[in-house]
C-alpha atoms as a PDB file:
ATOM      1  CA  MET A   1       0.000   0.000   0.000  1.00  0.00           C
ATOM      2  CA  LYS A   2       2.786   2.403   0.902  1.00  0.00           C
ATOM      3  CA  LYS A   3       4.565   1.637  -2.370  1.00  0.00           C
ATOM      4  CA  ARG A   4       1.375   2.324  -4.333  1.00  0.00           C
ATOM      5  CA  LEU A   5       0.939   5.699  -2.661  1.00  0.00           C
ATOM      6  CA  SER A   6       4.541   6.587  -3.451  1.00  0.00           C
ATOM      7  CA  VAL A   7       4.049   5.682  -7.107  1.00  0.00           C
ATOM      8  CA  LEU A   8       0.826   7.717  -7.286  1.00  0.00           C
ATOM      9  CA  ALA A   9       2.551  10.689  -5.664  1.00  0.00           C
ATOM     10  CA  LEU A  10       5.399  10.435  -8.164  1.00  0.00           C
ATOM     11  CA  ILE A  11       2.996  10.290 -11.111  1.00  0.00           C
ATOM     12  CA  ALA A  12       1.012  13.248  -9.790  1.00  0.00           C
ATOM     13  CA  SER A  13       4.163  15.329  -9.319  1.00  0.00           C
ATOM     14  CA  MET A  14       5.344  14.506 -12.849  1.00  0.00           C
ATOM     15  CA  MET A  15       1.999  15.541 -14.300  1.00  0.00           C
ATOM     16  CA  THR A  16       2.073  18.789 -12.359  1.00  0.00           C
ATOM     17  CA  ALA A  17       5.661  19.467 -13.388  1.00  0.00           C
ATOM     18  CA  SER A  18       4.887  19.143 -17.086  1.00  0.00           C
ATOM     19  CA  THR A  19       1.999  21.581 -16.712  1.00  0.00           C
ATOM     20  CA  ALA A  20       4.249  23.995 -14.842  1.00  0.00           C
ATOM     21  CA  LEU A  21       6.798  23.836 -17.666  1.00  0.00           C
ATOM     22  CA  ALA A  22       4.181  24.738 -20.263  1.00  0.00           C
ATOM     23  CA  ALA A  23       4.424  28.254 -21.532  1.00  0.00           C
ATOM     24  CA  GLU A  24       2.794  30.613 -23.924  1.00  0.00           C
ATOM     25  CA  ARG A  25       4.929  31.056 -27.030  1.00  0.00           C
ATOM     26  CA  THR A  26       4.736  33.505 -29.880  1.00  0.00           C
ATOM     27  CA  VAL A  27       6.211  32.644 -33.267  1.00  0.00           C
ATOM     28  CA  THR A  28       6.117  34.262 -36.691  1.00  0.00           C
ATOM     29  CA  PHE A  29       5.577  32.298 -39.877  1.00  0.00           C
ATOM     30  CA  ALA A  30       6.320  33.327 -43.443  1.00  0.00           C
ATOM     31  CA  VAL A  31       3.179  32.369 -45.375  1.00  0.00           C
ATOM     32  CA  ASP A  32       3.205  31.465 -49.073  1.00  0.00           C
ATOM     33  CA  ASN A  33       0.406  31.830 -51.640  1.00  0.00           C
ATOM     34  CA  MET A  34      -1.325  34.874 -50.108  1.00  0.00           C
ATOM     35  CA  THR A  35      -2.412  36.713 -53.245  1.00  0.00           C
ATOM     36  CA  CYS A  36      -5.788  38.280 -52.461  1.00  0.00           C
ATOM     37  CA  ALA A  37      -7.694  40.032 -49.684  1.00  0.00           C
ATOM     38  CA  SER A  38      -9.395  36.771 -48.619  1.00  0.00           C
ATOM     39  CA  CYS A  39      -6.140  34.931 -48.019  1.00  0.00           C
ATOM     40  CA  PRO A  40      -5.286  36.440 -44.596  1.00  0.00           C
ATOM     41  CA  TYR A  41      -8.742  35.531 -43.307  1.00  0.00           C
ATOM     42  CA  ILE A  42      -8.332  31.904 -44.419  1.00  0.00           C
ATOM     43  CA  VAL A  43      -4.829  31.672 -42.905  1.00  0.00           C
ATOM     44  CA  LYS A  44      -6.015  33.210 -39.626  1.00  0.00           C
ATOM     45  CA  THR A  45      -9.064  30.954 -39.435  1.00  0.00           C
ATOM     46  CA  SER A  46      -7.108  27.769 -40.167  1.00  0.00           C
ATOM     47  CA  MET A  47      -4.393  28.550 -37.616  1.00  0.00           C
ATOM     48  CA  ALA A  48      -6.839  29.745 -34.954  1.00  0.00           C
ATOM     49  CA  ALA A  49      -8.742  26.453 -35.235  1.00  0.00           C
ATOM     50  CA  VAL A  50      -5.772  24.561 -33.773  1.00  0.00           C
ATOM     51  CA  SER A  51      -6.421  23.682 -30.138  1.00  0.00           C
ATOM     52  CA  GLY A  52      -4.114  25.712 -27.910  1.00  0.00           C
ATOM     53  CA  VAL A  53      -3.797  28.726 -30.227  1.00  0.00           C
ATOM     54  CA  ALA A  54      -4.648  31.912 -28.341  1.00  0.00           C
ATOM     55  CA  ASN A  55      -4.115  34.601 -30.982  1.00  0.00           C
ATOM     56  CA  VAL A  56      -3.290  34.915 -34.690  1.00  0.00           C
ATOM     57  CA  THR A  57      -2.354  38.121 -36.481  1.00  0.00           C
ATOM     58  CA  VAL A  58      -1.846  37.938 -40.245  1.00  0.00           C
ATOM     59  CA  SER A  59      -0.133  40.580 -42.377  1.00  0.00           C
ATOM     60  CA  PHE A  60      -1.009  40.434 -46.063  1.00  0.00           C
ATOM     61  CA  LYS A  61       1.629  43.050 -46.869  1.00  0.00           C
ATOM     62  CA  ALA A  62       4.463  41.224 -45.058  1.00  0.00           C
ATOM     63  CA  LYS A  63       3.094  37.758 -45.935  1.00  0.00           C
ATOM     64  CA  THR A  64       3.423  36.682 -42.296  1.00  0.00           C
ATOM     65  CA  ALA A  65       1.349  35.240 -39.482  1.00  0.00           C
ATOM     66  CA  THR A  66       2.245  35.810 -35.842  1.00  0.00           C
ATOM     67  CA  VAL A  67       0.757  33.159 -33.571  1.00  0.00           C
ATOM     68  CA  THR A  68       0.578  32.944 -29.779  1.00  0.00           C
ATOM     69  CA  PHE A  69      -0.095  29.463 -28.418  1.00  0.00           C
ATOM     70  CA  ASP A  70       0.150  27.209 -25.379  1.00  0.00           C
ATOM     71  CA  ASP A  71       3.142  24.953 -26.051  1.00  0.00           C
ATOM     72  CA  ALA A  72       1.705  22.247 -23.787  1.00  0.00           C
ATOM     73  CA  ARG A  73      -1.281  21.873 -26.130  1.00  0.00           C
ATOM     74  CA  THR A  74       0.228  22.393 -29.593  1.00  0.00           C
ATOM     75  CA  ASN A  75       3.415  23.261 -31.447  1.00  0.00           C
ATOM     76  CA  ALA A  76       4.590  25.311 -34.411  1.00  0.00           C
ATOM     77  CA  ASP A  77       4.601  22.279 -36.747  1.00  0.00           C
ATOM     78  CA  THR A  78       0.915  21.580 -36.074  1.00  0.00           C
ATOM     79  CA  ILE A  79       0.002  25.207 -36.693  1.00  0.00           C
ATOM     80  CA  ALA A  80       2.016  25.274 -39.928  1.00  0.00           C
ATOM     81  CA  ALA A  81       0.314  22.052 -41.042  1.00  0.00           C
ATOM     82  CA  ALA A  82      -3.114  23.622 -40.504  1.00  0.00           C
ATOM     83  CA  SER A  83      -2.141  26.521 -42.754  1.00  0.00           C
ATOM     84  CA  MET A  84      -0.671  24.139 -45.329  1.00  0.00           C
ATOM     85  CA  ASN A  85      -3.888  22.105 -45.347  1.00  0.00           C
ATOM     86  CA  ALA A  86      -5.770  25.317 -46.200  1.00  0.00           C
ATOM     87  CA  GLY A  87      -3.440  25.899 -49.166  1.00  0.00           C
ATOM     88  CA  TYR A  88      -1.016  28.323 -47.548  1.00  0.00           C
ATOM     89  CA  PRO A  89       2.369  26.761 -46.700  1.00  0.00           C
ATOM     90  CA  ALA A  90       3.782  28.393 -43.566  1.00  0.00           C
ATOM     91  CA  HIS A  91       7.418  28.316 -42.492  1.00  0.00           C
ATOM     92  CA  LEU A  92       8.915  29.582 -39.244  1.00  0.00           C
ATOM     93  CA  ARG A  93      10.833  32.791 -39.785  1.00  0.00           C
ATOM     94  CA  GLN A  94      14.310  33.066 -38.381  1.00  0.00           C
ATOM     95  CA  GLN A  95      14.675  35.493 -35.488  1.00  0.00           C
ATOM     96  CA  GLY A  96      15.627  38.900 -36.828  1.00  0.00           C
ATOM     97  CA  SER A  97      14.265  38.146 -40.335  1.00  0.00           C
END
């Protein structure tokens, strides 16, 4: 019984630790194929539909999308895939680009 409680306590602490390590991240993607006024709306909608995404700002002029998300619930690859599936390939921009 004591061993079981120790194992449960260890599991609970590991689950709590992973939640504590989760953070909100903001990344910027270069987005291809945006050629008309409707494109930013489609990119924003597709990226915002990913669970864990908190905010999406799309610039038609710069051909970019800046996304804030919970990195415990999603990642940049999943967000880029959502944009790609909508017909707009998205690639992480290098810092300072």
